[in-house]
């Protein structure tokens, strides 16, 4: 499965959720290098997801960018599938409900 197809699957899932809006971001070319692949908001919480094929890892610049978003209060993660994205956001929502 390609990174593009994983991104599209995650976006389809996220945008089907109530109180969720997500979009693909562009990190190269005219965008900012290191920017996560998906940005969005779920029930008032911002999230930034870096998508990789299974076994893929974030670059050092991507890690720094994710850490900056985390320090600002966003939910951040490197994900390899829709299932991982679901789990990350489910865990974050559970923490917010406490």
N, C-alpha and C. Protein backbone atom coordinates (compact mmCIF):
# COMPACT_ATOMS: atom_id res chain seq x y z
N UNK A 1 0.84 -1.17 0.00
CA UNK A 1 0.00 0.00 0.00
C UNK A 1 0.90 1.25 0.00
N UNK A 2 0.58 2.22 -0.83
CA UNK A 2 1.39 3.44 -0.92
C UNK A 2 1.01 4.42 0.19
N UNK A 3 1.92 5.35 0.46
CA UNK A 3 1.64 6.38 1.45
C UNK A 3 0.41 7.20 1.05
N UNK A 4 0.30 7.49 -0.24
CA UNK A 4 -0.84 8.27 -0.72
C UNK A 4 -2.16 7.55 -0.42
N UNK A 5 -2.20 6.24 -0.65
CA UNK A 5 -3.44 5.50 -0.40
C UNK A 5 -3.76 5.43 1.09
N UNK A 6 -2.72 5.35 1.93
CA UNK A 6 -2.94 5.34 3.38
C UNK A 6 -3.48 6.71 3.81
N UNK A 7 -2.89 7.79 3.31
CA UNK A 7 -3.37 9.15 3.62
C UNK A 7 -4.84 9.28 3.22
N UNK A 8 -5.17 8.86 2.00
CA UNK A 8 -6.55 8.98 1.53
C UNK A 8 -7.52 8.18 2.38
N UNK A 9 -7.12 6.98 2.81
CA UNK A 9 -7.98 6.16 3.67
C UNK A 9 -8.19 6.81 5.03
N UNK A 10 -7.13 7.38 5.58
CA UNK A 10 -7.25 8.05 6.88
C UNK A 10 -8.14 9.28 6.75
N UNK A 11 -7.94 10.06 5.69
CA UNK A 11 -8.79 11.25 5.49
C UNK A 11 -10.26 10.88 5.34
N UNK A 12 -10.54 9.83 4.59
CA UNK A 12 -11.92 9.38 4.40
C UNK A 12 -12.54 9.03 5.75
N UNK A 13 -11.79 8.29 6.55
CA UNK A 13 -12.28 7.92 7.89
C UNK A 13 -12.51 9.17 8.75
N UNK A 14 -11.49 10.03 8.85
CA UNK A 14 -11.59 11.19 9.73
C UNK A 14 -12.74 12.11 9.35
N UNK A 15 -12.89 12.35 8.07
CA UNK A 15 -13.93 13.27 7.63
C UNK A 15 -15.33 12.66 7.68
N UNK A 16 -15.42 11.37 8.02
CA UNK A 16 -16.73 10.74 8.24
C UNK A 16 -17.17 10.87 9.69
N UNK A 17 -16.27 11.29 10.56
CA UNK A 17 -16.59 11.40 11.98
C UNK A 17 -17.34 12.70 12.27
N UNK A 18 -18.30 12.65 13.20
CA UNK A 18 -18.92 13.91 13.61
C UNK A 18 -17.89 14.77 14.33
N UNK A 19 -17.99 16.04 14.19
CA UNK A 19 -17.10 17.01 14.84
C UNK A 19 -15.64 16.81 14.46
N UNK A 20 -15.39 16.42 13.22
CA UNK A 20 -14.01 16.24 12.75
C UNK A 20 -13.85 16.84 11.37
N UNK A 21 -12.73 17.50 11.19
CA UNK A 21 -12.34 18.02 9.87
C UNK A 21 -10.86 17.76 9.73
N UNK A 22 -10.47 17.14 8.61
CA UNK A 22 -9.06 16.82 8.37
C UNK A 22 -8.73 17.09 6.92
N UNK A 23 -7.48 17.46 6.67
CA UNK A 23 -7.04 17.69 5.29
C UNK A 23 -5.58 17.33 5.12
N UNK A 24 -5.23 17.04 3.88
CA UNK A 24 -3.85 16.74 3.50
C UNK A 24 -3.09 18.06 3.44
N UNK A 25 -1.89 18.06 3.97
CA UNK A 25 -1.03 19.23 3.88
C UNK A 25 0.16 18.90 2.99
N UNK A 26 0.79 19.92 2.46
CA UNK A 26 1.92 19.73 1.56
C UNK A 26 3.17 20.31 2.20
N UNK A 27 4.17 19.46 2.40
CA UNK A 27 5.38 19.89 3.07
C UNK A 27 6.49 20.35 2.15
N UNK A 28 6.48 19.92 0.92
CA UNK A 28 7.55 20.29 0.00
C UNK A 28 7.08 21.32 -1.00
N UNK A 29 7.94 21.69 -1.90
CA UNK A 29 7.57 22.66 -2.93
C UNK A 29 7.23 24.00 -2.35
N UNK A 30 5.95 24.38 -2.41
CA UNK A 30 5.52 25.67 -1.89
C UNK A 30 5.13 25.62 -0.42
N UNK A 31 5.13 24.44 0.18
CA UNK A 31 4.79 24.29 1.59
C UNK A 31 6.03 24.37 2.47
N UNK A 32 5.86 24.02 3.73
CA UNK A 32 6.97 24.01 4.68
C UNK A 32 7.50 22.58 4.81
N UNK A 33 8.79 22.42 4.65
CA UNK A 33 9.41 21.11 4.81
C UNK A 33 9.18 20.60 6.23
N UNK A 34 8.91 19.32 6.36
CA UNK A 34 8.73 18.71 7.67
C UNK A 34 7.30 18.76 8.18
N UNK A 35 6.41 19.44 7.46
CA UNK A 35 5.02 19.57 7.89
C UNK A 35 4.34 18.20 7.83
N UNK A 36 3.56 17.85 8.89
CA UNK A 36 2.88 16.56 8.88
C UNK A 36 1.91 16.42 7.70
N UNK A 37 1.64 15.18 7.31
CA UNK A 37 0.79 14.90 6.14
C UNK A 37 -0.67 15.29 6.33
N UNK A 38 -1.19 15.11 7.54
CA UNK A 38 -2.59 15.37 7.81
C UNK A 38 -2.71 16.31 9.00
N UNK A 39 -3.53 17.33 8.84
CA UNK A 39 -3.83 18.25 9.93
C UNK A 39 -5.34 18.28 10.10
N UNK A 40 -5.79 18.49 11.32
CA UNK A 40 -7.23 18.54 11.52
C UNK A 40 -7.60 18.86 12.95
N UNK A 41 -8.92 18.78 13.18
CA UNK A 41 -9.47 19.06 14.49
C UNK A 41 -10.59 18.07 14.76
N UNK A 42 -10.57 17.47 15.93
CA UNK A 42 -11.59 16.52 16.36
C UNK A 42 -12.14 16.97 17.69
N UNK A 43 -13.40 17.32 17.71
CA UNK A 43 -14.07 17.76 18.95
C UNK A 43 -13.28 18.86 19.66
N UNK A 44 -12.77 19.80 18.88
CA UNK A 44 -12.05 20.94 19.45
C UNK A 44 -10.58 20.71 19.71
N UNK A 45 -10.05 19.54 19.43
CA UNK A 45 -8.63 19.24 19.63
C UNK A 45 -7.93 19.14 18.29
N UNK A 46 -6.88 19.90 18.14
CA UNK A 46 -6.08 19.86 16.91
C UNK A 46 -5.22 18.60 16.90
N UNK A 47 -5.05 18.04 15.71
CA UNK A 47 -4.14 16.90 15.58
C UNK A 47 -3.29 17.08 14.33
N UNK A 48 -2.11 16.50 14.38
CA UNK A 48 -1.13 16.50 13.29
C UNK A 48 -0.62 15.07 13.15
N UNK A 49 -0.83 14.47 11.98
CA UNK A 49 -0.42 13.09 11.76
C UNK A 49 0.57 13.00 10.61
N UNK A 50 1.69 12.37 10.88
CA UNK A 50 2.66 12.07 9.83
C UNK A 50 2.39 10.63 9.39
N UNK A 51 2.15 10.44 8.12
CA UNK A 51 1.79 9.12 7.60
C UNK A 51 3.01 8.49 6.91
N UNK A 52 3.24 7.23 7.21
CA UNK A 52 4.34 6.47 6.61
C UNK A 52 3.83 5.09 6.20
N UNK A 53 4.47 4.50 5.22
CA UNK A 53 4.16 3.11 4.88
C UNK A 53 4.64 2.24 6.04
N UNK A 54 4.07 1.04 6.19
CA UNK A 54 4.52 0.17 7.28
C UNK A 54 6.04 0.03 7.28
N UNK A 55 6.62 0.23 8.45
CA UNK A 55 8.07 0.18 8.61
C UNK A 55 8.75 1.52 8.41
N UNK A 56 8.04 2.49 7.83
CA UNK A 56 8.61 3.81 7.58
C UNK A 56 8.72 4.63 8.87
N UNK A 57 9.68 5.52 8.90
CA UNK A 57 9.92 6.37 10.08
C UNK A 57 9.95 7.83 9.68
N UNK A 58 9.59 8.68 10.62
CA UNK A 58 9.64 10.12 10.39
C UNK A 58 11.09 10.58 10.27
N UNK A 59 11.31 11.61 9.45
CA UNK A 59 12.65 12.20 9.34
C UNK A 59 12.93 13.03 10.58
N UNK A 60 14.20 13.38 10.83
CA UNK A 60 14.50 14.24 11.97
C UNK A 60 13.70 15.55 11.94
N UNK A 61 13.56 16.17 10.78
CA UNK A 61 12.79 17.41 10.69
C UNK A 61 11.31 17.17 11.01
N UNK A 62 10.76 16.07 10.54
CA UNK A 62 9.36 15.75 10.85
C UNK A 62 9.18 15.51 12.35
N UNK A 63 10.14 14.86 12.97
CA UNK A 63 10.08 14.63 14.42
C UNK A 63 10.09 15.95 15.19
N UNK A 64 10.95 16.87 14.78
CA UNK A 64 11.02 18.18 15.43
C UNK A 64 9.69 18.91 15.27
N UNK A 65 9.14 18.89 14.08
CA UNK A 65 7.87 19.58 13.82
C UNK A 65 6.74 18.98 14.66
N UNK A 66 6.67 17.66 14.72
CA UNK A 66 5.66 17.02 15.55
C UNK A 66 5.82 17.40 17.02
N UNK A 67 7.05 17.45 17.48
CA UNK A 67 7.30 17.82 18.88
C UNK A 67 6.86 19.26 19.15
N UNK A 68 7.08 20.16 18.21
CA UNK A 68 6.63 21.54 18.38
C UNK A 68 5.11 21.62 18.49
N UNK A 69 4.40 20.85 17.66
CA UNK A 69 2.95 20.82 17.75
C UNK A 69 2.50 20.21 19.08
N UNK A 70 3.19 19.17 19.52
CA UNK A 70 2.85 18.54 20.81
C UNK A 70 3.02 19.53 21.95
N UNK A 71 4.11 20.28 21.93
CA UNK A 71 4.33 21.29 22.97
C UNK A 71 3.26 22.37 22.97
N UNK A 72 2.66 22.61 21.81
CA UNK A 72 1.59 23.60 21.69
C UNK A 72 0.23 23.02 22.09
N UNK A 73 0.17 21.72 22.38
CA UNK A 73 -1.06 21.10 22.85
C UNK A 73 -1.78 20.22 21.85
N UNK A 74 -1.23 20.05 20.66
CA UNK A 74 -1.87 19.21 19.64
C UNK A 74 -1.62 17.73 19.92
N UNK A 75 -2.51 16.91 19.40
CA UNK A 75 -2.33 15.46 19.38
C UNK A 75 -1.43 15.19 18.19
N UNK A 76 -0.35 14.47 18.38
CA UNK A 76 0.58 14.20 17.28
C UNK A 76 0.94 12.72 17.26
N UNK A 77 1.22 12.22 16.05
CA UNK A 77 1.63 10.82 15.93
C UNK A 77 2.17 10.55 14.54
N UNK A 78 2.99 9.52 14.46
CA UNK A 78 3.38 8.93 13.18
C UNK A 78 2.52 7.68 13.07
N UNK A 79 1.75 7.59 11.97
CA UNK A 79 0.84 6.46 11.80
C UNK A 79 1.12 5.76 10.48
N UNK A 80 0.79 4.46 10.46
CA UNK A 80 1.05 3.63 9.29
C UNK A 80 -0.23 3.04 8.71
N UNK A 81 -1.39 3.35 9.32
CA UNK A 81 -2.65 2.77 8.88
C UNK A 81 -3.82 3.56 9.46
N UNK A 82 -5.00 3.31 8.91
CA UNK A 82 -6.23 3.90 9.46
C UNK A 82 -6.41 3.42 10.90
N UNK A 83 -6.13 2.15 11.15
CA UNK A 83 -6.30 1.59 12.48
C UNK A 83 -5.44 2.32 13.51
N UNK A 84 -4.20 2.64 13.16
CA UNK A 84 -3.33 3.37 14.09
C UNK A 84 -3.88 4.78 14.33
N UNK A 85 -4.35 5.44 13.29
CA UNK A 85 -4.91 6.77 13.45
C UNK A 85 -6.13 6.73 14.37
N UNK A 86 -7.01 5.74 14.18
CA UNK A 86 -8.18 5.57 15.04
C UNK A 86 -7.76 5.42 16.50
N UNK A 87 -6.79 4.57 16.73
CA UNK A 87 -6.34 4.29 18.09
C UNK A 87 -5.76 5.54 18.76
N UNK A 88 -4.92 6.28 18.05
CA UNK A 88 -4.31 7.49 18.59
C UNK A 88 -5.39 8.50 18.99
N UNK A 89 -6.35 8.72 18.12
CA UNK A 89 -7.39 9.70 18.40
C UNK A 89 -8.35 9.21 19.48
N UNK A 90 -8.62 7.91 19.52
CA UNK A 90 -9.47 7.35 20.57
C UNK A 90 -8.81 7.53 21.93
N UNK A 91 -7.52 7.25 22.01
CA UNK A 91 -6.77 7.44 23.27
C UNK A 91 -6.79 8.90 23.70
N UNK A 92 -6.59 9.81 22.76
CA UNK A 92 -6.58 11.23 23.08
C UNK A 92 -7.94 11.69 23.58
N UNK A 93 -9.01 11.21 22.96
CA UNK A 93 -10.36 11.58 23.41
C UNK A 93 -10.63 11.05 24.81
N UNK A 94 -10.17 9.83 25.09
CA UNK A 94 -10.37 9.24 26.42
C UNK A 94 -9.66 10.06 27.49
N UNK A 95 -8.46 10.55 27.19
CA UNK A 95 -7.73 11.39 28.15
C UNK A 95 -8.45 12.71 28.39
N UNK A 96 -9.06 13.27 27.35
CA UNK A 96 -9.78 14.55 27.47
C UNK A 96 -11.04 14.41 28.32
N UNK A 97 -11.65 13.22 28.29
CA UNK A 97 -12.90 13.00 29.03
C UNK A 97 -12.67 12.85 30.52
N UNK A 98 -11.43 12.60 30.92
CA UNK A 98 -11.13 12.42 32.36
C UNK A 98 -11.09 13.73 33.08
